[in-house]
Structures are given as structure tokens and as C-alpha cells.
Amino acid sequence: MATSNTEICSRYGIPETLIVQVDTREKTPITFPANIRIQHPERAGMFVVLPVAVQKAKLDYGDYRLKEFPTCCVIERKASQLELFKNVVEHKDSIRQAKAFRRLSACEYPYLLVEERPTELFKVSAKIRQPDIIIGRLSIAIAKYGLNLLWIPWGNSPHRRKLIGEIILHVMLGCAIHKKMDILPVLV
């Protein structure tokens, strides 16, 4: 018996079109695929394809979320060593960022996406003389605010940015619907 996307979406609380909200303050936003393929919740080896739309919105906290699940999974993105340094080390900005992390921690699944390579975080530069402080402060923030760390240092090519978009889309959707779905094992 075939089931339609509408029936499956209705049964599991999955929107028929996923709307990713991107904060208006994101300077170089991640791109998202036009469609996402998720495993069919009832049939191993089958998939459901859902269209994806992107909407700019002024978010109260974080940079990315699903419109239909605004407080479930929110992702805050940090793109570089300098951004992390300013956000967690420099006094004035670290106070603002701590408040932002506190607001982010109010959602059910708060994520911090770091796009910088670990080796780059430890590089000394004219602006950052003690880069190891970044990791220490970042670790404290993750523990204090209960953030999940998603580390994807793939660079800025359009193809890679779309892959990052697909990954975080799966993460956000997985967090939103996990209570209604049993994840079926994939048989190889």
C-alpha cells in the first residue's frame, strides 16, 4: 500500500515543505538544498523527499531554525578564529555573546556550529597572541549553556556550503521529529 507525502507528514508532524529561517544579520549565510531526502519512517530503504524553502527573519537568538519548530533546534554559527575570539574572549563582545548563548540555551536542542579548522583556531596572529584561550573559553560556554557542538570545517566553496546546509537541516529536522519516529536501521 503506497502512502503519500501528505499522509506521512501528517502522521509524523513533518511539514510538507520545510522552511529554514535564517537570521537577517547573517552576513554569509549557509545555503540549503531545494529538496531533502529523509528515510521513510515506516519502510526501511524507502525515502520521502521534501521541498525546502529559505526565509530571512530576525531571530531572537541563533542563526538558523525551522519555522515550524522555532524553539526546538536552533543553530548559532561561528565562521572564523577571529569571530570566536571576539565572541568569547574580548570583554565587551563576550558579555553580549554570553547573553546570546543564554537565550539560545532556552531552546530544546541548542547547537553551536563552528566552521573553522581546529588547526586554524590555534594559529597565533597579530590580533590573537594566545589562541589557546579561545578553546578554553569556548569549552566553558558549551558546558555552561548546554550547547551541542557541531564542528564542520569544510571551507567556503558553494558545494560545501550546501552540504553543510543539508547536514544542519537533517539535524534540525531530526531534533524536531525524533519523539514521533523510530529510526529504522539501514540494511546494507
N, C-alpha and C. Protein backbone atom coordinates (compact mmCIF):
# COMPACT_ATOMS: atom_id res chain seq x y z
N MET A 1 0.84 -1.19 0.00
CA MET A 1 0.00 0.00 0.00
C MET A 1 0.88 1.25 0.00
N ALA A 2 0.73 2.06 -0.99
CA ALA A 2 1.53 3.28 -1.09
C ALA A 2 0.95 4.37 -0.19
N THR A 3 1.84 5.14 0.41
CA THR A 3 1.40 6.27 1.23
C THR A 3 1.96 7.54 0.62
N SER A 4 1.18 8.59 0.68
CA SER A 4 1.62 9.86 0.10
C SER A 4 2.46 10.63 1.11
N ASN A 5 3.21 11.62 0.60
CA ASN A 5 3.96 12.51 1.48
C ASN A 5 3.01 13.19 2.47
N THR A 6 1.82 13.60 1.98
CA THR A 6 0.87 14.29 2.84
C THR A 6 0.48 13.42 4.02
N GLU A 7 0.19 12.16 3.75
CA GLU A 7 -0.21 11.23 4.82
C GLU A 7 0.95 11.02 5.82
N ILE A 8 2.14 10.78 5.32
CA ILE A 8 3.30 10.57 6.19
C ILE A 8 3.60 11.84 6.99
N CYS A 9 3.59 12.98 6.32
CA CYS A 9 3.88 14.25 7.01
C CYS A 9 2.86 14.50 8.10
N SER A 10 1.61 14.27 7.80
CA SER A 10 0.55 14.49 8.79
C SER A 10 0.71 13.54 9.98
N ARG A 11 0.97 12.29 9.71
CA ARG A 11 1.08 11.28 10.76
C ARG A 11 2.25 11.55 11.70
N TYR A 12 3.38 12.09 11.18
CA TYR A 12 4.57 12.28 11.99
C TYR A 12 4.88 13.73 12.31
N GLY A 13 3.97 14.62 11.97
CA GLY A 13 4.17 16.03 12.30
C GLY A 13 5.29 16.69 11.52
N ILE A 14 5.52 16.21 10.30
CA ILE A 14 6.57 16.76 9.45
C ILE A 14 5.91 17.74 8.47
N PRO A 15 6.38 18.97 8.39
CA PRO A 15 5.80 19.88 7.41
C PRO A 15 6.04 19.37 5.98
N GLU A 16 5.09 19.58 5.10
CA GLU A 16 5.26 19.13 3.71
C GLU A 16 6.33 19.92 2.98
N THR A 17 6.53 21.16 3.38
CA THR A 17 7.64 21.98 2.90
C THR A 17 8.39 22.48 4.12
N LEU A 18 9.67 22.20 4.18
CA LEU A 18 10.48 22.68 5.31
C LEU A 18 10.90 24.12 5.02
N ILE A 19 10.64 24.99 5.98
CA ILE A 19 11.05 26.39 5.83
C ILE A 19 12.16 26.66 6.83
N VAL A 20 13.36 26.91 6.30
CA VAL A 20 14.50 27.25 7.13
C VAL A 20 14.52 28.76 7.30
N GLN A 21 14.48 29.21 8.54
CA GLN A 21 14.59 30.64 8.80
C GLN A 21 16.06 30.96 9.08
N VAL A 22 16.56 31.97 8.39
CA VAL A 22 17.94 32.43 8.51
C VAL A 22 17.91 33.84 9.08
N ASP A 23 18.68 34.06 10.13
CA ASP A 23 18.69 35.38 10.75
C ASP A 23 19.14 36.44 9.75
N THR A 24 18.47 37.58 9.78
CA THR A 24 18.78 38.67 8.85
C THR A 24 20.18 39.23 9.04
N ARG A 25 20.80 38.99 10.21
CA ARG A 25 22.14 39.52 10.46
C ARG A 25 23.25 38.60 9.96
N GLU A 26 22.90 37.44 9.42
CA GLU A 26 23.91 36.53 8.87
C GLU A 26 24.51 37.18 7.63
N LYS A 27 25.83 37.40 7.65
CA LYS A 27 26.49 38.08 6.53
C LYS A 27 26.75 37.15 5.34
N THR A 28 27.15 35.93 5.62
CA THR A 28 27.38 34.95 4.56
C THR A 28 26.62 33.67 4.93
N PRO A 29 25.32 33.66 4.71
CA PRO A 29 24.52 32.52 5.16
C PRO A 29 24.85 31.23 4.43
N ILE A 30 24.63 30.17 5.13
CA ILE A 30 24.76 28.83 4.56
C ILE A 30 23.65 28.67 3.53
N THR A 31 23.91 27.90 2.50
CA THR A 31 22.88 27.63 1.50
C THR A 31 22.25 26.27 1.78
N PHE A 32 21.05 26.09 1.31
CA PHE A 32 20.31 24.86 1.58
C PHE A 32 19.85 24.24 0.26
N PRO A 33 19.74 22.92 0.24
CA PRO A 33 19.27 22.26 -0.98
C PRO A 33 17.80 22.59 -1.23
N ALA A 34 17.36 22.45 -2.47
CA ALA A 34 15.96 22.71 -2.82
C ALA A 34 15.04 21.62 -2.28
N ASN A 35 15.61 20.43 -2.07
CA ASN A 35 14.85 19.29 -1.52
C ASN A 35 15.74 18.53 -0.56
N ILE A 36 15.10 17.84 0.36
CA ILE A 36 15.85 16.97 1.26
C ILE A 36 15.19 15.60 1.27
N ARG A 37 16.01 14.59 1.29
CA ARG A 37 15.53 13.21 1.28
C ARG A 37 15.72 12.64 2.68
N ILE A 38 14.62 12.21 3.30
CA ILE A 38 14.71 11.60 4.63
C ILE A 38 14.20 10.17 4.55
N GLN A 39 14.65 9.34 5.47
CA GLN A 39 14.20 7.96 5.47
C GLN A 39 12.72 7.90 5.78
N HIS A 40 12.02 7.06 5.05
CA HIS A 40 10.61 6.83 5.28
C HIS A 40 10.47 6.26 6.69
N PRO A 41 9.59 6.81 7.52
CA PRO A 41 9.50 6.36 8.91
C PRO A 41 8.94 4.96 9.09
N GLU A 42 8.34 4.39 8.06
CA GLU A 42 7.69 3.08 8.20
C GLU A 42 8.27 2.01 7.30
N ARG A 43 9.09 2.40 6.34
CA ARG A 43 9.59 1.42 5.37
C ARG A 43 11.09 1.58 5.18
N ALA A 44 11.83 0.61 5.66
CA ALA A 44 13.28 0.63 5.51
C ALA A 44 13.64 0.64 4.02
N GLY A 45 14.64 1.44 3.68
CA GLY A 45 15.10 1.51 2.31
C GLY A 45 14.29 2.42 1.41
N MET A 46 13.23 3.02 1.95
CA MET A 46 12.44 3.97 1.17
C MET A 46 12.64 5.37 1.75
N PHE A 47 12.40 6.36 0.92
CA PHE A 47 12.65 7.73 1.34
C PHE A 47 11.47 8.63 1.00
N VAL A 48 11.40 9.73 1.73
CA VAL A 48 10.42 10.78 1.48
C VAL A 48 11.23 12.00 1.07
N VAL A 49 10.83 12.65 -0.01
CA VAL A 49 11.52 13.85 -0.47
C VAL A 49 10.65 15.06 -0.15
N LEU A 50 11.24 16.02 0.56
CA LEU A 50 10.51 17.21 0.97
C LEU A 50 11.15 18.46 0.36
N PRO A 51 10.34 19.36 -0.16
CA PRO A 51 10.89 20.63 -0.64
C PRO A 51 11.37 21.49 0.53
N VAL A 52 12.37 22.32 0.25
CA VAL A 52 12.95 23.20 1.27
C VAL A 52 12.87 24.64 0.75
N ALA A 53 12.41 25.52 1.63
CA ALA A 53 12.37 26.95 1.31
C ALA A 53 13.19 27.68 2.38
N VAL A 54 13.76 28.82 2.00
CA VAL A 54 14.55 29.62 2.93
C VAL A 54 13.85 30.96 3.11
N GLN A 55 13.79 31.40 4.35
CA GLN A 55 13.13 32.66 4.68
C GLN A 55 14.05 33.46 5.60
N LYS A 56 14.30 34.71 5.24
CA LYS A 56 15.05 35.61 6.12
C LYS A 56 14.11 36.09 7.22
N ALA A 57 14.60 36.10 8.46
CA ALA A 57 13.79 36.57 9.58
C ALA A 57 14.73 37.07 10.68
N LYS A 58 14.28 38.04 11.43
CA LYS A 58 15.07 38.50 12.57
C LYS A 58 14.80 37.53 13.72
N LEU A 59 15.76 36.67 13.99
CA LEU A 59 15.60 35.68 15.04
C LEU A 59 16.01 36.27 16.39
N ASP A 60 15.29 35.91 17.42
CA ASP A 60 15.62 36.39 18.77
C ASP A 60 16.95 35.83 19.25
N TYR A 61 17.29 34.64 18.78
CA TYR A 61 18.57 34.02 19.12
C TYR A 61 18.91 33.01 18.05
N GLY A 62 20.20 32.78 17.88
CA GLY A 62 20.68 31.83 16.89
C GLY A 62 20.62 32.38 15.48
N ASP A 63 21.10 31.56 14.54
CA ASP A 63 21.18 31.96 13.15
C ASP A 63 20.29 31.15 12.22
N TYR A 64 19.94 29.91 12.61
CA TYR A 64 19.15 29.02 11.76
C TYR A 64 18.17 28.23 12.61
N ARG A 65 16.96 28.07 12.09
CA ARG A 65 15.94 27.23 12.74
C ARG A 65 14.89 26.86 11.70
N LEU A 66 14.08 25.87 12.04
CA LEU A 66 12.95 25.53 11.19
C LEU A 66 11.75 26.34 11.65
N LYS A 67 11.08 26.98 10.73
CA LYS A 67 9.95 27.85 11.07
C LYS A 67 8.87 27.10 11.85
N GLU A 68 8.63 25.87 11.49
CA GLU A 68 7.57 25.09 12.12
C GLU A 68 7.94 24.63 13.53
N PHE A 69 9.23 24.69 13.88
CA PHE A 69 9.71 24.26 15.19
C PHE A 69 10.66 25.32 15.75
N PRO A 70 10.16 26.52 16.05
CA PRO A 70 11.05 27.65 16.36
C PRO A 70 11.85 27.53 17.66
N THR A 71 11.43 26.71 18.58
CA THR A 71 12.17 26.60 19.84
C THR A 71 12.74 25.20 20.05
N CYS A 72 12.69 24.37 19.03
CA CYS A 72 13.18 23.01 19.18
C CYS A 72 14.69 22.94 18.99
N CYS A 73 15.17 23.24 17.81
CA CYS A 73 16.60 23.17 17.50
C CYS A 73 17.00 24.46 16.79
N VAL A 74 17.89 25.20 17.43
CA VAL A 74 18.37 26.45 16.86
C VAL A 74 19.89 26.36 16.76
N ILE A 75 20.42 26.82 15.66
CA ILE A 75 21.86 26.72 15.41
C ILE A 75 22.48 28.11 15.35
N GLU A 76 23.50 28.30 16.17
CA GLU A 76 24.31 29.53 16.17
C GLU A 76 25.59 29.18 15.43
N ARG A 77 25.97 29.98 14.44
CA ARG A 77 27.13 29.69 13.58
C ARG A 77 28.28 30.62 13.89
N LYS A 78 29.47 30.06 13.98
CA LYS A 78 30.71 30.83 14.12
C LYS A 78 31.64 30.39 13.00
N ALA A 79 32.09 31.36 12.20
CA ALA A 79 32.79 31.03 10.96
C ALA A 79 34.31 31.11 11.04
N SER A 80 34.87 31.80 12.04
CA SER A 80 36.32 32.00 11.99
C SER A 80 36.93 32.12 13.38
N GLN A 81 38.26 32.00 13.42
CA GLN A 81 39.00 32.17 14.66
C GLN A 81 38.77 33.57 15.23
N LEU A 82 38.81 34.58 14.38
CA LEU A 82 38.64 35.95 14.85
C LEU A 82 37.24 36.17 15.43
N GLU A 83 36.22 35.64 14.77
CA GLU A 83 34.86 35.77 15.30
C GLU A 83 34.73 35.09 16.66
N LEU A 84 35.26 33.89 16.78
CA LEU A 84 35.22 33.20 18.08
C LEU A 84 36.00 33.97 19.14
N PHE A 85 37.17 34.47 18.77
CA PHE A 85 37.99 35.25 19.71
C PHE A 85 37.20 36.46 20.22
N LYS A 86 36.62 37.21 19.32
CA LYS A 86 35.85 38.39 19.73
C LYS A 86 34.66 37.99 20.61
N ASN A 87 33.99 36.90 20.24
CA ASN A 87 32.78 36.49 20.95
C ASN A 87 33.01 35.89 22.32
N VAL A 88 34.13 35.22 22.52
CA VAL A 88 34.31 34.54 23.82
C VAL A 88 35.49 35.07 24.63
N VAL A 89 36.33 35.93 24.05
CA VAL A 89 37.49 36.43 24.78
C VAL A 89 37.41 37.94 25.04
N GLU A 90 37.16 38.72 24.00
CA GLU A 90 37.13 40.17 24.18
C GLU A 90 35.98 40.56 25.12
N HIS A 91 36.30 41.36 26.12
CA HIS A 91 35.36 41.63 27.21
C HIS A 91 34.00 42.14 26.74
N LYS A 92 33.97 43.21 25.98
CA LYS A 92 32.70 43.83 25.59
C LYS A 92 31.82 42.85 24.80
N ASP A 93 32.40 42.21 23.80
CA ASP A 93 31.62 41.30 22.97
C ASP A 93 31.29 39.99 23.70
N SER A 94 32.16 39.56 24.60
CA SER A 94 31.90 38.30 25.31
C SER A 94 30.67 38.43 26.22
N ILE A 95 30.41 39.62 26.74
CA ILE A 95 29.21 39.84 27.56
C ILE A 95 27.96 39.71 26.67
N ARG A 96 27.99 40.34 25.52
CA ARG A 96 26.88 40.24 24.57
C ARG A 96 26.67 38.80 24.12
N GLN A 97 27.78 38.10 23.83
CA GLN A 97 27.68 36.72 23.37
C GLN A 97 27.18 35.81 24.48
N ALA A 98 27.58 36.03 25.73
CA ALA A 98 27.08 35.22 26.84
C ALA A 98 25.56 35.35 26.95
N LYS A 99 25.05 36.56 26.77
CA LYS A 99 23.59 36.76 26.78
C LYS A 99 22.93 36.02 25.63
N ALA A 100 23.58 36.04 24.46
CA ALA A 100 23.05 35.33 23.29
C ALA A 100 23.06 33.82 23.53
N PHE A 101 24.13 33.29 24.12
CA PHE A 101 24.19 31.86 24.44
C PHE A 101 23.11 31.50 25.47
N ARG A 102 22.87 32.36 26.43
CA ARG A 102 21.84 32.11 27.44
C ARG A 102 20.46 32.01 26.77
N ARG A 103 20.17 32.93 25.84
CA ARG A 103 18.89 32.87 25.12
C ARG A 103 18.82 31.59 24.27
N LEU A 104 19.93 31.25 23.62
CA LEU A 104 19.99 30.05 22.79
C LEU A 104 19.73 28.80 23.63
N SER A 105 20.24 28.78 24.85
CA SER A 105 20.09 27.59 25.69
C SER A 105 18.65 27.35 26.12
N ALA A 106 17.76 28.32 25.89
CA ALA A 106 16.35 28.14 26.22
C ALA A 106 15.65 27.19 25.26
N CYS A 107 16.22 26.98 24.08
CA CYS A 107 15.58 26.05 23.15
C CYS A 107 15.93 24.62 23.58
N GLU A 108 15.18 23.67 23.06
CA GLU A 108 15.35 22.28 23.47
C GLU A 108 16.72 21.70 23.06
N TYR A 109 17.15 22.00 21.83
CA TYR A 109 18.42 21.50 21.32
C TYR A 109 19.23 22.66 20.77
N PRO A 110 20.01 23.33 21.63
CA PRO A 110 20.85 24.43 21.14
C PRO A 110 22.15 23.90 20.55
N TYR A 111 22.47 24.35 19.35
CA TYR A 111 23.69 23.91 18.67
C TYR A 111 24.59 25.10 18.37
N LEU A 112 25.88 24.85 18.50
CA LEU A 112 26.89 25.80 18.08
C LEU A 112 27.63 25.15 16.92
N LEU A 113 27.55 25.77 15.75
CA LEU A 113 28.23 25.29 14.55
C LEU A 113 29.51 26.07 14.40
N VAL A 114 30.65 25.38 14.41
CA VAL A 114 31.95 26.01 14.20
C VAL A 114 32.46 25.55 12.83
N GLU A 115 32.75 26.53 11.98
CA GLU A 115 33.20 26.22 10.62
C GLU A 115 34.70 26.35 10.43
N GLU A 116 35.42 26.72 11.45
CA GLU A 116 36.88 26.89 11.36
C GLU A 116 37.59 25.57 11.65
N ARG A 117 38.70 25.33 10.96
CA ARG A 117 39.51 24.13 11.21
C ARG A 117 40.16 24.25 12.59
N PRO A 118 40.25 23.16 13.33
CA PRO A 118 40.90 23.22 14.65
C PRO A 118 42.32 23.77 14.58
N THR A 119 43.07 23.41 13.56
CA THR A 119 44.45 23.91 13.45
C THR A 119 44.47 25.43 13.28
N GLU A 120 43.46 25.99 12.62
CA GLU A 120 43.39 27.43 12.43
C GLU A 120 43.06 28.15 13.75
N LEU A 121 42.31 27.49 14.62
CA LEU A 121 41.98 28.11 15.91
C LEU A 121 43.23 28.34 16.75
N PHE A 122 44.25 27.53 16.56
CA PHE A 122 45.46 27.63 17.38
C PHE A 122 46.55 28.49 16.76
N LYS A 123 46.29 29.11 15.63
CA LYS A 123 47.31 29.95 14.98
C LYS A 123 47.43 31.29 15.69
N VAL A 124 48.68 31.69 15.93
CA VAL A 124 48.97 33.00 16.51
C VAL A 124 48.96 34.01 15.37
N SER A 125 48.36 35.18 15.62
CA SER A 125 48.34 36.24 14.61
C SER A 125 48.56 37.58 15.31
N ALA A 126 48.60 38.64 14.52
CA ALA A 126 48.79 39.98 15.09
C ALA A 126 47.65 40.34 16.03
N LYS A 127 46.45 39.87 15.74
CA LYS A 127 45.28 40.19 16.57
C LYS A 127 45.07 39.20 17.71
N ILE A 128 45.60 37.98 17.53
CA ILE A 128 45.36 36.93 18.53
C ILE A 128 46.70 36.33 18.94
N ARG A 129 47.20 36.76 20.07
CA ARG A 129 48.52 36.32 20.56
C ARG A 129 48.44 34.99 21.34
N GLN A 130 47.31 34.72 21.98
CA GLN A 130 47.15 33.50 22.77
C GLN A 130 45.89 32.75 22.32
N PRO A 131 45.97 32.05 21.20
CA PRO A 131 44.77 31.42 20.64
C PRO A 131 44.21 30.29 21.49
N ASP A 132 45.02 29.68 22.34
CA ASP A 132 44.51 28.58 23.17
C ASP A 132 43.41 29.03 24.12
N ILE A 133 43.35 30.32 24.40
CA ILE A 133 42.30 30.86 25.26
C ILE A 133 40.93 30.67 24.61
N ILE A 134 40.89 30.70 23.28
CA ILE A 134 39.62 30.53 22.56
C ILE A 134 38.99 29.18 22.93
N ILE A 135 39.77 28.11 22.82
CA ILE A 135 39.25 26.77 23.11
C ILE A 135 38.80 26.67 24.56
N GLY A 136 39.58 27.22 25.48
CA GLY A 136 39.21 27.18 26.89
C GLY A 136 37.88 27.89 27.15
N ARG A 137 37.75 29.09 26.63
CA ARG A 137 36.51 29.86 26.84
C ARG A 137 35.33 29.23 26.10
N LEU A 138 35.59 28.72 24.92
CA LEU A 138 34.53 28.07 24.15
C LEU A 138 34.03 26.83 24.90
N SER A 139 34.95 26.06 25.46
CA SER A 139 34.58 24.86 26.22
C SER A 139 33.73 25.21 27.44
N ILE A 140 34.09 26.28 28.12
CA ILE A 140 33.31 26.72 29.27
C ILE A 140 31.91 27.12 28.84
N ALA A 141 31.80 27.86 27.73
CA ALA A 141 30.48 28.29 27.23
C ALA A 141 29.62 27.08 26.85
N ILE A 142 30.22 26.09 26.20
CA ILE A 142 29.48 24.89 25.81
C ILE A 142 28.94 24.19 27.05
N ALA A 143 29.77 24.05 28.07
CA ALA A 143 29.33 23.39 29.31
C ALA A 143 28.30 24.23 30.06
N LYS A 144 28.57 25.51 30.21
CA LYS A 144 27.69 26.39 30.99
C LYS A 144 26.29 26.50 30.39
N TYR A 145 26.21 26.59 29.09
CA TYR A 145 24.92 26.82 28.45
C TYR A 145 24.32 25.56 27.82
N GLY A 146 24.97 24.41 28.00
CA GLY A 146 24.43 23.15 27.49
C GLY A 146 24.33 23.10 25.97
N LEU A 147 25.33 23.67 25.30
CA LEU A 147 25.31 23.72 23.84
C LEU A 147 25.85 22.41 23.27
N ASN A 148 25.26 21.99 22.17
CA ASN A 148 25.79 20.87 21.40
C ASN A 148 26.74 21.46 20.36
N LEU A 149 27.91 20.88 20.24
CA LEU A 149 28.90 21.39 19.30
C LEU A 149 28.84 20.60 18.00
N LEU A 150 28.72 21.32 16.91
CA LEU A 150 28.74 20.72 15.58
C LEU A 150 29.91 21.37 14.85
N TRP A 151 30.97 20.60 14.62
CA TRP A 151 32.20 21.14 14.05
C TRP A 151 32.31 20.67 12.61
N ILE A 152 32.15 21.58 11.66
CA ILE A 152 32.21 21.23 10.24
C ILE A 152 33.13 22.23 9.54
N PRO A 153 34.44 21.96 9.52
CA PRO A 153 35.40 22.91 8.93
C PRO A 153 35.67 22.64 7.45
N TRP A 154 34.69 22.80 6.61
CA TRP A 154 34.82 22.41 5.21
C TRP A 154 35.17 23.53 4.26
N GLY A 155 35.20 24.74 4.69
CA GLY A 155 35.54 25.83 3.77
C GLY A 155 34.33 26.47 3.14
N ASN A 156 34.61 27.36 2.19
CA ASN A 156 33.56 28.22 1.66
C ASN A 156 33.12 27.96 0.24
N SER A 157 33.47 26.85 -0.35
CA SER A 157 33.01 26.62 -1.73
C SER A 157 31.49 26.48 -1.72
N PRO A 158 30.82 26.90 -2.78
CA PRO A 158 29.35 26.80 -2.83
C PRO A 158 28.84 25.38 -2.60
N HIS A 159 29.52 24.40 -3.17
CA HIS A 159 29.10 23.00 -2.99
C HIS A 159 29.19 22.58 -1.52
N ARG A 160 30.29 22.92 -0.87
CA ARG A 160 30.47 22.55 0.54
C ARG A 160 29.49 23.29 1.44
N ARG A 161 29.19 24.54 1.13
CA ARG A 161 28.23 25.31 1.94
C ARG A 161 26.84 24.69 1.83
N LYS A 162 26.51 24.15 0.66
CA LYS A 162 25.21 23.48 0.50
C LYS A 162 25.20 22.15 1.25
N LEU A 163 26.33 21.44 1.29
CA LEU A 163 26.40 20.20 2.07
C LEU A 163 26.24 20.50 3.56
N ILE A 164 26.86 21.57 4.04
CA ILE A 164 26.69 21.97 5.43
C ILE A 164 25.21 22.29 5.68
N GLY A 165 24.59 22.97 4.73
CA GLY A 165 23.16 23.27 4.86
C GLY A 165 22.33 22.00 4.96
N GLU A 166 22.67 21.00 4.15
CA GLU A 166 21.92 19.74 4.21
C GLU A 166 22.12 19.04 5.55
N ILE A 167 23.35 19.06 6.06
CA ILE A 167 23.62 18.43 7.35
C ILE A 167 22.83 19.13 8.46
N ILE A 168 22.88 20.46 8.52
CA ILE A 168 22.18 21.11 9.63
C ILE A 168 20.66 21.01 9.46
N LEU A 169 20.20 20.89 8.23
CA LEU A 169 18.77 20.67 8.00
C LEU A 169 18.35 19.31 8.57
N HIS A 170 19.16 18.29 8.32
CA HIS A 170 18.89 16.96 8.90
C HIS A 170 18.92 17.03 10.43
N VAL A 171 19.88 17.74 10.99
CA VAL A 171 19.98 17.85 12.45
C VAL A 171 18.73 18.54 13.01
N MET A 172 18.34 19.67 12.43
CA MET A 172 17.17 20.39 12.93
C MET A 172 15.90 19.55 12.82
N LEU A 173 15.71 18.89 11.67
CA LEU A 173 14.52 18.07 11.49
C LEU A 173 14.55 16.85 12.42
N GLY A 174 15.73 16.23 12.55
CA GLY A 174 15.85 15.08 13.45
C GLY A 174 15.49 15.43 14.89
N CYS A 175 15.95 16.58 15.34
CA CYS A 175 15.61 17.04 16.70
C CYS A 175 14.11 17.28 16.82
N ALA A 176 13.50 17.83 15.77
CA ALA A 176 12.08 18.20 15.83
C ALA A 176 11.16 16.98 15.84
N ILE A 177 11.52 15.94 15.14
CA ILE A 177 10.58 14.83 14.98
C ILE A 177 11.01 13.54 15.68
N HIS A 178 12.11 13.57 16.41
CA HIS A 178 12.64 12.32 16.98
C HIS A 178 11.67 11.62 17.92
N LYS A 179 10.84 12.36 18.61
CA LYS A 179 9.92 11.73 19.57
C LYS A 179 8.82 10.95 18.87
N LYS A 180 8.50 11.32 17.65
CA LYS A 180 7.42 10.67 16.91
C LYS A 180 7.90 9.54 16.02
N MET A 181 9.20 9.44 15.84
CA MET A 181 9.71 8.45 14.89
C MET A 181 10.66 7.48 15.55
N ASP A 182 10.58 6.25 15.12
CA ASP A 182 11.60 5.27 15.45
C ASP A 182 12.56 5.27 14.26
N ILE A 183 13.83 5.46 14.55
CA ILE A 183 14.81 5.44 13.47
C ILE A 183 15.04 3.98 13.09
N LEU A 184 14.79 3.67 11.84
CA LEU A 184 14.94 2.31 11.35
C LEU A 184 16.39 2.06 10.99
N PRO A 185 16.90 0.87 11.29
CA PRO A 185 18.27 0.57 10.88
C PRO A 185 18.35 0.49 9.36
N VAL A 186 19.44 0.97 8.84
CA VAL A 186 19.67 0.90 7.40
C VAL A 186 20.41 -0.40 7.12
N LEU A 187 19.80 -1.24 6.32
CA LEU A 187 20.41 -2.53 5.98
C LEU A 187 21.30 -2.35 4.75
N VAL A 188 22.51 -2.78 4.86
CA VAL A 188 23.44 -2.66 3.75
C VAL A 188 23.61 -3.97 3.07
